[in-house]
Amino acid sequence: MWTFPLLAIVAGAAIAFQAAMNARLGVLLKNPLLATVIAFLLACVFTVSFMLLSQRQLPVIEDVKSIPGYLWFGGMLSAFGVGSYYYLIPKMGVGSMMSFALTGQLVLAVIAGHFGWFEQPIKPISLRVMLGIVAMTLGIVLINGGTKHGY
């Protein structure tokens, strides 16, 4: 019952940890985009290796042709997001940057869930969800000290 939520928490912690590490790499290289390239290259090598070792069946050409074209461009959003993390963390700190990033992720996730974007399960926005977003936003203000810029 708690396996998926626990795995999600660990995955989130891993993202915060790697973002801080790679942001530092970008500072030392004097180029956050180069750190982004390195991160994606290593991620690609790891992912391809894991895919080959797991012996999963590859999709047939008909399945590939049936995929809507816009779904192939999610990697651009990943590159923008990850590159932005590596640029912003040295300026804001990992806690502030990740708290604002998490806010953006959760707000968009709630909207996407409400409309069922990309054929995901529909999760209507309720009063409870709205109160949760307000509470989270107040939490972000508290995490960042409530100062004019919070960092």
C-alpha atoms as a PDB file:
ATOM      1  CA  MET A   1       0.000   0.000   0.000  1.00  0.00           C
ATOM      2  CA  TRP A   2       2.819   2.416   0.835  1.00  0.00           C
ATOM      3  CA  THR A   3       5.250   1.070  -1.781  1.00  0.00           C
ATOM      4  CA  PHE A   4       4.403   3.565  -4.529  1.00  0.00           C
ATOM      5  CA  PRO A   5       4.216   6.657  -2.280  1.00  0.00           C
ATOM      6  CA  LEU A   6       7.496   5.664  -0.605  1.00  0.00           C
ATOM      7  CA  LEU A   7       9.165   5.138  -3.977  1.00  0.00           C
ATOM      8  CA  ALA A   8       7.833   8.542  -5.112  1.00  0.00           C
ATOM      9  CA  ILE A   9       9.315  10.205  -2.009  1.00  0.00           C
ATOM     10  CA  VAL A  10      12.685   8.535  -2.599  1.00  0.00           C
ATOM     11  CA  ALA A  11      12.575   9.544  -6.281  1.00  0.00           C
ATOM     12  CA  GLY A  12      11.837  13.149  -5.302  1.00  0.00           C
ATOM     13  CA  ALA A  13      14.710  13.120  -2.818  1.00  0.00           C
ATOM     14  CA  ALA A  14      17.001  11.716  -5.517  1.00  0.00           C
ATOM     15  CA  ILE A  15      16.001  14.537  -7.869  1.00  0.00           C
ATOM     16  CA  ALA A  16      16.738  17.185  -5.227  1.00  0.00           C
ATOM     17  CA  PHE A  17      20.091  15.556  -4.442  1.00  0.00           C
ATOM     18  CA  GLN A  18      21.150  15.220  -8.087  1.00  0.00           C
ATOM     19  CA  ALA A  19      19.966  18.748  -8.856  1.00  0.00           C
ATOM     20  CA  ALA A  20      22.196  20.144  -6.119  1.00  0.00           C
ATOM     21  CA  MET A  21      25.137  18.007  -7.288  1.00  0.00           C
ATOM     22  CA  ASN A  22      24.745  18.955 -10.945  1.00  0.00           C
ATOM     23  CA  ALA A  23      24.152  22.615 -10.132  1.00  0.00           C
ATOM     24  CA  ARG A  24      27.537  22.569  -8.367  1.00  0.00           C
ATOM     25  CA  LEU A  25      29.032  20.836 -11.408  1.00  0.00           C
ATOM     26  CA  GLY A  26      27.650  23.672 -13.544  1.00  0.00           C
ATOM     27  CA  VAL A  27      29.251  26.254 -11.243  1.00  0.00           C
ATOM     28  CA  LEU A  28      32.632  24.498 -11.348  1.00  0.00           C
ATOM     29  CA  LEU A  29      32.413  24.119 -15.139  1.00  0.00           C
ATOM     30  CA  LYS A  30      31.169  27.744 -15.354  1.00  0.00           C
ATOM     31  CA  ASN A  31      28.377  26.505 -17.592  1.00  0.00           C
ATOM     32  CA  PRO A  32      25.027  25.124 -16.322  1.00  0.00           C
ATOM     33  CA  LEU A  33      24.117  23.999 -19.848  1.00  0.00           C
ATOM     34  CA  LEU A  34      27.241  21.837 -20.019  1.00  0.00           C
ATOM     35  CA  ALA A  35      26.243  20.279 -16.681  1.00  0.00           C
ATOM     36  CA  THR A  36      22.803  19.620 -18.198  1.00  0.00           C
ATOM     37  CA  VAL A  37      24.376  17.920 -21.228  1.00  0.00           C
ATOM     38  CA  ILE A  38      26.550  15.751 -18.971  1.00  0.00           C
ATOM     39  CA  ALA A  39      23.551  14.816 -16.810  1.00  0.00           C
ATOM     40  CA  PHE A  40      21.457  13.834 -19.827  1.00  0.00           C
ATOM     41  CA  LEU A  41      24.282  11.886 -21.468  1.00  0.00           C
ATOM     42  CA  LEU A  42      24.887   9.860 -18.314  1.00  0.00           C
ATOM     43  CA  ALA A  43      21.156   9.400 -17.807  1.00  0.00           C
ATOM     44  CA  CYS A  44      20.867   8.156 -21.399  1.00  0.00           C
ATOM     45  CA  VAL A  45      23.719   5.655 -20.955  1.00  0.00           C
ATOM     46  CA  PHE A  46      22.238   4.391 -17.680  1.00  0.00           C
ATOM     47  CA  THR A  47      18.698   4.147 -19.072  1.00  0.00           C
ATOM     48  CA  VAL A  48      19.737   2.369 -22.283  1.00  0.00           C
ATOM     49  CA  SER A  49      21.882  -0.052 -20.271  1.00  0.00           C
ATOM     50  CA  PHE A  50      19.021  -0.800 -17.888  1.00  0.00           C
ATOM     51  CA  MET A  51      16.600  -1.236 -20.802  1.00  0.00           C
ATOM     52  CA  LEU A  52      18.931  -3.701 -22.530  1.00  0.00           C
ATOM     53  CA  LEU A  53      19.546  -5.631 -19.302  1.00  0.00           C
ATOM     54  CA  SER A  54      15.851  -5.834 -18.463  1.00  0.00           C
ATOM     55  CA  GLN A  55      15.140  -7.609 -21.796  1.00  0.00           C
ATOM     56  CA  ARG A  56      11.896  -5.731 -22.320  1.00  0.00           C
ATOM     57  CA  GLN A  57      10.217  -6.109 -25.692  1.00  0.00           C
ATOM     58  CA  LEU A  58      10.684  -3.120 -27.972  1.00  0.00           C
ATOM     59  CA  PRO A  59       7.608  -1.612 -29.649  1.00  0.00           C
ATOM     60  CA  VAL A  60       6.744  -2.639 -33.178  1.00  0.00           C
ATOM     61  CA  ILE A  61       6.938  -0.027 -35.948  1.00  0.00           C
ATOM     62  CA  GLU A  62       3.126   0.247 -36.177  1.00  0.00           C
ATOM     63  CA  ASP A  63       2.978   1.245 -32.498  1.00  0.00           C
ATOM     64  CA  VAL A  64       5.691   3.860 -33.014  1.00  0.00           C
ATOM     65  CA  LYS A  65       3.903   5.326 -36.048  1.00  0.00           C
ATOM     66  CA  SER A  66       0.637   5.642 -34.098  1.00  0.00           C
ATOM     67  CA  ILE A  67       2.146   7.918 -31.425  1.00  0.00           C
ATOM     68  CA  PRO A  68       1.070  11.575 -31.758  1.00  0.00           C
ATOM     69  CA  GLY A  69       3.993  13.727 -32.907  1.00  0.00           C
ATOM     70  CA  TYR A  70       3.868  16.151 -29.986  1.00  0.00           C
ATOM     71  CA  LEU A  71       4.613  13.357 -27.493  1.00  0.00           C
ATOM     72  CA  TRP A  72       8.136  13.014 -28.906  1.00  0.00           C
ATOM     73  CA  PHE A  73       9.053  16.506 -27.666  1.00  0.00           C
ATOM     74  CA  GLY A  74       8.704  16.006 -23.902  1.00  0.00           C
ATOM     75  CA  GLY A  75      12.487  15.844 -23.733  1.00  0.00           C
ATOM     76  CA  MET A  76      12.632  19.547 -24.601  1.00  0.00           C
ATOM     77  CA  LEU A  77      10.642  20.299 -21.462  1.00  0.00           C
ATOM     78  CA  SER A  78      12.990  18.061 -19.463  1.00  0.00           C
ATOM     79  CA  ALA A  79      16.027  19.886 -20.817  1.00  0.00           C
ATOM     80  CA  PHE A  80      14.479  23.272 -20.025  1.00  0.00           C
ATOM     81  CA  GLY A  81      13.453  22.197 -16.525  1.00  0.00           C
ATOM     82  CA  VAL A  82      16.724  20.505 -15.621  1.00  0.00           C
ATOM     83  CA  GLY A  83      18.834  23.287 -17.125  1.00  0.00           C
ATOM     84  CA  SER A  84      16.805  25.839 -15.192  1.00  0.00           C
ATOM     85  CA  TYR A  85      17.385  23.919 -11.958  1.00  0.00           C
ATOM     86  CA  TYR A  86      21.150  23.941 -12.499  1.00  0.00           C
ATOM     87  CA  TYR A  87      21.087  27.650 -13.299  1.00  0.00           C
ATOM     88  CA  LEU A  88      18.817  28.677 -10.397  1.00  0.00           C
ATOM     89  CA  ILE A  89      20.075  26.509  -7.511  1.00  0.00           C
ATOM     90  CA  PRO A  90      23.386  28.398  -7.125  1.00  0.00           C
ATOM     91  CA  LYS A  91      21.431  31.663  -7.101  1.00  0.00           C
ATOM     92  CA  MET A  92      18.493  30.663  -4.851  1.00  0.00           C
ATOM     93  CA  GLY A  93      19.678  27.619  -2.914  1.00  0.00           C
ATOM     94  CA  VAL A  94      18.416  24.084  -3.414  1.00  0.00           C
ATOM     95  CA  GLY A  95      15.600  24.372  -0.833  1.00  0.00           C
ATOM     96  CA  SER A  96      14.080  27.540  -2.257  1.00  0.00           C
ATOM     97  CA  MET A  97      14.447  26.455  -5.864  1.00  0.00           C
ATOM     98  CA  MET A  98      12.989  23.003  -5.239  1.00  0.00           C
ATOM     99  CA  SER A  99      10.092  24.402  -3.193  1.00  0.00           C
ATOM    100  CA  PHE A 100       9.113  26.786  -5.986  1.00  0.00           C
ATOM    101  CA  ALA A 101       9.632  24.061  -8.604  1.00  0.00           C
ATOM    102  CA  LEU A 102       7.481  21.650  -6.619  1.00  0.00           C
ATOM    103  CA  THR A 103       4.759  24.296  -6.452  1.00  0.00           C
ATOM    104  CA  GLY A 104       4.796  24.608 -10.231  1.00  0.00           C
ATOM    105  CA  GLN A 105       4.733  20.832 -10.638  1.00  0.00           C
ATOM    106  CA  LEU A 106       1.832  20.309  -8.248  1.00  0.00           C
ATOM    107  CA  VAL A 107      -0.316  23.160  -9.571  1.00  0.00           C
ATOM    108  CA  LEU A 108       0.089  22.002 -13.171  1.00  0.00           C
ATOM    109  CA  ALA A 109      -0.431  18.360 -12.123  1.00  0.00           C
ATOM    110  CA  VAL A 110      -3.729  19.269 -10.456  1.00  0.00           C
ATOM    111  CA  ILE A 111      -4.888  21.128 -13.580  1.00  0.00           C
ATOM    112  CA  ALA A 112      -3.723  18.302 -15.878  1.00  0.00           C
ATOM    113  CA  GLY A 113      -5.484  15.761 -13.674  1.00  0.00           C
ATOM    114  CA  HIS A 114      -8.684  17.800 -13.661  1.00  0.00           C
ATOM    115  CA  PHE A 115      -8.814  17.770 -17.465  1.00  0.00           C
ATOM    116  CA  GLY A 116      -7.258  14.312 -17.950  1.00  0.00           C
ATOM    117  CA  TRP A 117      -4.518  15.615 -20.242  1.00  0.00           C
ATOM    118  CA  PHE A 118      -2.549  12.999 -22.184  1.00  0.00           C
ATOM    119  CA  GLU A 119      -5.183  10.348 -21.409  1.00  0.00           C
ATOM    120  CA  GLN A 120      -4.347  10.313 -17.706  1.00  0.00           C
ATOM    121  CA  PRO A 121      -6.974   9.500 -15.057  1.00  0.00           C
ATOM    122  CA  ILE A 122      -9.347  12.395 -14.424  1.00  0.00           C
ATOM    123  CA  LYS A 123      -9.116  13.765 -10.866  1.00  0.00           C
ATOM    124  CA  PRO A 124     -11.579  16.671 -10.511  1.00  0.00           C
ATOM    125  CA  ILE A 125     -10.420  19.723  -8.565  1.00  0.00           C
ATOM    126  CA  SER A 126     -12.375  19.735  -5.312  1.00  0.00           C
ATOM    127  CA  LEU A 127     -12.581  22.179  -2.440  1.00  0.00           C
ATOM    128  CA  ARG A 128     -10.204  19.894  -0.515  1.00  0.00           C
ATOM    129  CA  VAL A 129      -7.673  20.043  -3.363  1.00  0.00           C
ATOM    130  CA  MET A 130      -7.993  23.846  -3.559  1.00  0.00           C
ATOM    131  CA  LEU A 131      -7.409  24.105   0.202  1.00  0.00           C
ATOM    132  CA  GLY A 132      -4.374  21.851  -0.201  1.00  0.00           C
ATOM    133  CA  ILE A 133      -2.935  24.139  -2.877  1.00  0.00           C
ATOM    134  CA  VAL A 134      -3.492  27.178  -0.664  1.00  0.00           C
ATOM    135  CA  ALA A 135      -1.876  25.386   2.307  1.00  0.00           C
ATOM    136  CA  MET A 136       1.056  24.330   0.137  1.00  0.00           C
ATOM    137  CA  THR A 137       1.512  27.874  -1.145  1.00  0.00           C
ATOM    138  CA  LEU A 138       1.529  29.181   2.432  1.00  0.00           C
ATOM    139  CA  GLY A 139       4.062  26.490   3.265  1.00  0.00           C
ATOM    140  CA  ILE A 140       6.300  27.663   0.424  1.00  0.00           C
ATOM    141  CA  VAL A 141       6.086  31.212   1.784  1.00  0.00           C
ATOM    142  CA  LEU A 142       7.084  29.923   5.230  1.00  0.00           C
ATOM    143  CA  ILE A 143       9.909  27.751   3.844  1.00  0.00           C
ATOM    144  CA  ASN A 144      11.337  30.738   2.024  1.00  0.00           C
ATOM    145  CA  GLY A 145      11.087  33.077   4.988  1.00  0.00           C
ATOM    146  CA  GLY A 146       8.293  35.236   3.667  1.00  0.00           C
ATOM    147  CA  THR A 147      10.842  37.786   2.446  1.00  0.00           C
ATOM    148  CA  LYS A 148      10.328  39.852  -0.649  1.00  0.00           C
ATOM    149  CA  HIS A 149      12.178  37.317  -2.818  1.00  0.00           C
ATOM    150  CA  GLY A 150      12.545  34.357  -0.435  1.00  0.00           C
ATOM    151  CA  TYR A 151      16.173  33.670  -1.355  1.00  0.00           C
END
